Amino acid sequence: MPRKAPPVRHDDPAMSGERARTDEGTLRRKRSDTHAGTIEDMYGIDLGVRADKELRNILKDEGVDSLSELLRKKRD
């Protein structure tokens, strides 16, 4: 059964998935050691990589700087 992240109090309703905001209002960055399988489960997307590959390596391979850029690229 896929893991579901706990509810986030400051979640942005316009975004897919659950991402919190900092006290300044900017979105928190996703940890770079998050595994691809976790991201695929949370965002309902297939990244086309092994489930244990870390986000930092996926971003590097795809040539993007953030998870949101990666999601946009994969959905297009």
N, C-alpha and C. Protein backbone atom coordinates (compact mmCIF):
# COMPACT_ATOMS: atom_id res chain seq x y z
N MET A 1 0.84 -1.17 0.00
CA MET A 1 0.00 0.00 0.00
C MET A 1 0.89 1.24 0.00
N PRO A 2 0.62 2.23 -0.88
CA PRO A 2 1.45 3.43 -0.93
C PRO A 2 1.36 4.22 0.36
N ARG A 3 2.50 4.80 0.71
CA ARG A 3 2.53 5.66 1.90
C ARG A 3 1.88 6.99 1.56
N LYS A 4 1.16 7.53 2.51
CA LYS A 4 0.58 8.86 2.34
C LYS A 4 1.19 9.78 3.38
N ALA A 5 1.61 10.92 2.93
CA ALA A 5 2.22 11.88 3.84
C ALA A 5 1.18 12.38 4.84
N PRO A 6 1.61 12.70 6.04
CA PRO A 6 0.65 13.24 7.01
C PRO A 6 0.11 14.58 6.52
N PRO A 7 -1.08 14.97 6.97
CA PRO A 7 -1.63 16.24 6.53
C PRO A 7 -0.71 17.40 6.89
N VAL A 8 -0.62 18.35 6.00
CA VAL A 8 0.24 19.51 6.21
C VAL A 8 -0.65 20.71 6.47
N ARG A 9 -0.41 21.38 7.55
CA ARG A 9 -1.27 22.49 7.96
C ARG A 9 -1.23 23.64 6.97
N HIS A 10 -0.09 23.92 6.37
CA HIS A 10 0.04 25.08 5.49
C HIS A 10 0.12 24.67 4.02
N ASP A 11 -0.59 23.62 3.66
CA ASP A 11 -0.54 23.12 2.30
C ASP A 11 -1.19 24.13 1.34
N ASP A 12 -0.65 24.22 0.15
CA ASP A 12 -1.20 25.09 -0.88
C ASP A 12 -2.23 24.29 -1.67
N PRO A 13 -3.52 24.66 -1.62
CA PRO A 13 -4.55 23.86 -2.28
C PRO A 13 -4.42 23.82 -3.80
N ALA A 14 -3.68 24.74 -4.39
CA ALA A 14 -3.53 24.76 -5.84
C ALA A 14 -2.47 23.79 -6.34
N MET A 15 -1.73 23.16 -5.41
CA MET A 15 -0.64 22.27 -5.80
C MET A 15 -1.05 20.82 -5.68
N SER A 16 -0.44 19.97 -6.52
CA SER A 16 -0.62 18.54 -6.34
C SER A 16 0.33 18.08 -5.24
N GLY A 17 -0.07 17.05 -4.52
CA GLY A 17 0.75 16.59 -3.42
C GLY A 17 0.63 17.54 -2.24
N GLU A 18 1.38 17.26 -1.21
CA GLU A 18 1.30 18.07 -0.01
C GLU A 18 2.67 18.68 0.27
N ARG A 19 2.78 19.98 0.14
CA ARG A 19 4.03 20.68 0.41
C ARG A 19 3.74 21.83 1.35
N ALA A 20 4.52 21.93 2.38
CA ALA A 20 4.33 22.97 3.38
C ALA A 20 5.04 24.25 2.96
N ARG A 21 4.66 25.32 3.60
CA ARG A 21 5.31 26.61 3.39
C ARG A 21 6.11 26.99 4.63
N THR A 22 7.15 27.78 4.43
CA THR A 22 7.94 28.28 5.55
C THR A 22 7.18 29.44 6.20
N ASP A 23 7.70 29.96 7.29
CA ASP A 23 7.08 31.10 7.95
C ASP A 23 7.04 32.33 7.04
N GLU A 24 7.98 32.41 6.10
CA GLU A 24 8.03 33.54 5.16
C GLU A 24 7.06 33.36 4.00
N GLY A 25 6.46 32.18 3.87
CA GLY A 25 5.48 31.94 2.82
C GLY A 25 6.02 31.20 1.61
N THR A 26 7.33 30.97 1.56
CA THR A 26 7.88 30.23 0.42
C THR A 26 7.72 28.73 0.67
N LEU A 27 7.65 27.97 -0.42
CA LEU A 27 7.50 26.52 -0.29
C LEU A 27 8.78 25.89 0.25
N ARG A 28 8.62 24.92 1.12
CA ARG A 28 9.78 24.18 1.62
C ARG A 28 10.32 23.30 0.50
N ARG A 29 11.63 23.17 0.46
CA ARG A 29 12.26 22.31 -0.54
C ARG A 29 12.13 20.86 -0.12
N LYS A 30 11.95 19.98 -1.08
CA LYS A 30 11.88 18.55 -0.81
C LYS A 30 13.29 18.06 -0.52
N ARG A 31 13.44 17.17 0.47
CA ARG A 31 14.75 16.64 0.82
C ARG A 31 15.37 15.94 -0.39
N SER A 32 16.65 16.17 -0.62
CA SER A 32 17.31 15.62 -1.80
C SER A 32 17.57 14.12 -1.68
N ASP A 33 17.43 13.55 -0.48
CA ASP A 33 17.64 12.11 -0.35
C ASP A 33 16.32 11.33 -0.42
N THR A 34 15.25 11.99 -0.82
CA THR A 34 13.96 11.32 -1.01
C THR A 34 14.07 10.36 -2.19
N HIS A 35 13.53 9.17 -2.04
CA HIS A 35 13.58 8.17 -3.11
C HIS A 35 12.51 8.42 -4.17
N ALA A 36 12.84 8.01 -5.39
CA ALA A 36 11.92 8.19 -6.52
C ALA A 36 10.58 7.51 -6.26
N GLY A 37 10.60 6.33 -5.64
CA GLY A 37 9.35 5.62 -5.37
C GLY A 37 8.41 6.43 -4.50
N THR A 38 8.95 7.15 -3.54
CA THR A 38 8.14 7.99 -2.65
C THR A 38 7.52 9.13 -3.45
N ILE A 39 8.31 9.76 -4.31
CA ILE A 39 7.81 10.86 -5.13
C ILE A 39 6.73 10.36 -6.09
N GLU A 40 6.97 9.21 -6.71
CA GLU A 40 5.99 8.65 -7.63
C GLU A 40 4.67 8.36 -6.93
N ASP A 41 4.73 7.83 -5.72
CA ASP A 41 3.51 7.55 -4.95
C ASP A 41 2.79 8.83 -4.55
N MET A 42 3.53 9.81 -4.08
CA MET A 42 2.91 11.05 -3.59
C MET A 42 2.29 11.88 -4.71
N TYR A 43 2.93 11.90 -5.87
CA TYR A 43 2.49 12.79 -6.95
C TYR A 43 1.82 12.05 -8.10
N GLY A 44 1.71 10.72 -8.01
CA GLY A 44 1.02 9.95 -9.04
C GLY A 44 1.66 10.09 -10.41
N ILE A 45 2.97 9.98 -10.45
CA ILE A 45 3.72 10.16 -11.70
C ILE A 45 4.76 9.06 -11.82
N ASP A 46 5.09 8.67 -13.04
CA ASP A 46 6.14 7.68 -13.26
C ASP A 46 7.39 8.40 -13.73
N LEU A 47 8.44 8.35 -12.93
CA LEU A 47 9.68 9.04 -13.26
C LEU A 47 10.57 8.22 -14.19
N GLY A 48 10.24 6.94 -14.36
CA GLY A 48 11.01 6.10 -15.28
C GLY A 48 12.39 5.73 -14.76
N VAL A 49 12.55 5.70 -13.43
CA VAL A 49 13.83 5.33 -12.82
C VAL A 49 13.56 4.30 -11.73
N ARG A 50 14.64 3.72 -11.20
CA ARG A 50 14.50 2.78 -10.08
C ARG A 50 13.89 3.49 -8.88
N ALA A 51 13.11 2.76 -8.11
CA ALA A 51 12.41 3.34 -6.96
C ALA A 51 13.36 3.83 -5.87
N ASP A 52 14.58 3.30 -5.83
CA ASP A 52 15.51 3.72 -4.77
C ASP A 52 16.46 4.83 -5.20
N LYS A 53 16.29 5.36 -6.40
CA LYS A 53 17.14 6.47 -6.85
C LYS A 53 16.76 7.74 -6.10
N GLU A 54 17.76 8.49 -5.65
CA GLU A 54 17.52 9.69 -4.84
C GLU A 54 17.19 10.90 -5.72
N LEU A 55 16.37 11.78 -5.15
CA LEU A 55 15.92 12.97 -5.86
C LEU A 55 17.09 13.79 -6.40
N ARG A 56 18.15 13.97 -5.59
CA ARG A 56 19.29 14.79 -6.04
C ARG A 56 19.87 14.26 -7.36
N ASN A 57 19.91 12.93 -7.52
CA ASN A 57 20.47 12.33 -8.73
C ASN A 57 19.51 12.44 -9.91
N ILE A 58 18.23 12.35 -9.64
CA ILE A 58 17.23 12.51 -10.70
C ILE A 58 17.28 13.94 -11.24
N LEU A 59 17.31 14.91 -10.32
CA LEU A 59 17.37 16.31 -10.74
C LEU A 59 18.61 16.58 -11.60
N LYS A 60 19.73 16.04 -11.17
CA LYS A 60 20.98 16.22 -11.91
C LYS A 60 20.88 15.60 -13.31
N ASP A 61 20.37 14.37 -13.37
CA ASP A 61 20.25 13.68 -14.67
C ASP A 61 19.27 14.38 -15.61
N GLU A 62 18.20 14.96 -15.05
CA GLU A 62 17.18 15.62 -15.87
C GLU A 62 17.53 17.07 -16.19
N GLY A 63 18.55 17.61 -15.51
CA GLY A 63 18.98 18.98 -15.77
C GLY A 63 18.02 20.03 -15.24
N VAL A 64 17.37 19.74 -14.10
CA VAL A 64 16.46 20.69 -13.47
C VAL A 64 16.92 20.97 -12.05
N ASP A 65 16.42 22.06 -11.46
CA ASP A 65 16.87 22.49 -10.14
C ASP A 65 15.94 22.13 -9.00
N SER A 66 14.69 21.78 -9.29
CA SER A 66 13.75 21.55 -8.21
C SER A 66 12.74 20.46 -8.57
N LEU A 67 12.07 19.97 -7.55
CA LEU A 67 11.03 18.96 -7.76
C LEU A 67 9.90 19.51 -8.61
N SER A 68 9.51 20.76 -8.40
CA SER A 68 8.41 21.32 -9.19
C SER A 68 8.78 21.39 -10.68
N GLU A 69 10.03 21.73 -11.00
CA GLU A 69 10.47 21.73 -12.39
C GLU A 69 10.45 20.32 -12.97
N LEU A 70 10.88 19.35 -12.18
CA LEU A 70 10.88 17.95 -12.62
C LEU A 70 9.45 17.48 -12.90
N LEU A 71 8.53 17.80 -12.01
CA LEU A 71 7.13 17.39 -12.21
C LEU A 71 6.55 18.01 -13.46
N ARG A 72 6.83 19.31 -13.69
CA ARG A 72 6.35 19.97 -14.92
C ARG A 72 6.92 19.28 -16.15
N LYS A 73 8.20 18.98 -16.11
CA LYS A 73 8.87 18.37 -17.27
C LYS A 73 8.27 16.99 -17.56
N LYS A 74 8.04 16.20 -16.53
CA LYS A 74 7.52 14.84 -16.71
C LYS A 74 6.06 14.81 -17.12
N ARG A 75 5.30 15.83 -16.73
CA ARG A 75 3.87 15.87 -17.07
C ARG A 75 3.63 16.40 -18.48
N ASP A 76 4.57 17.14 -19.03
CA ASP A 76 4.42 17.69 -20.39
C ASP A 76 4.71 16.69 -21.47
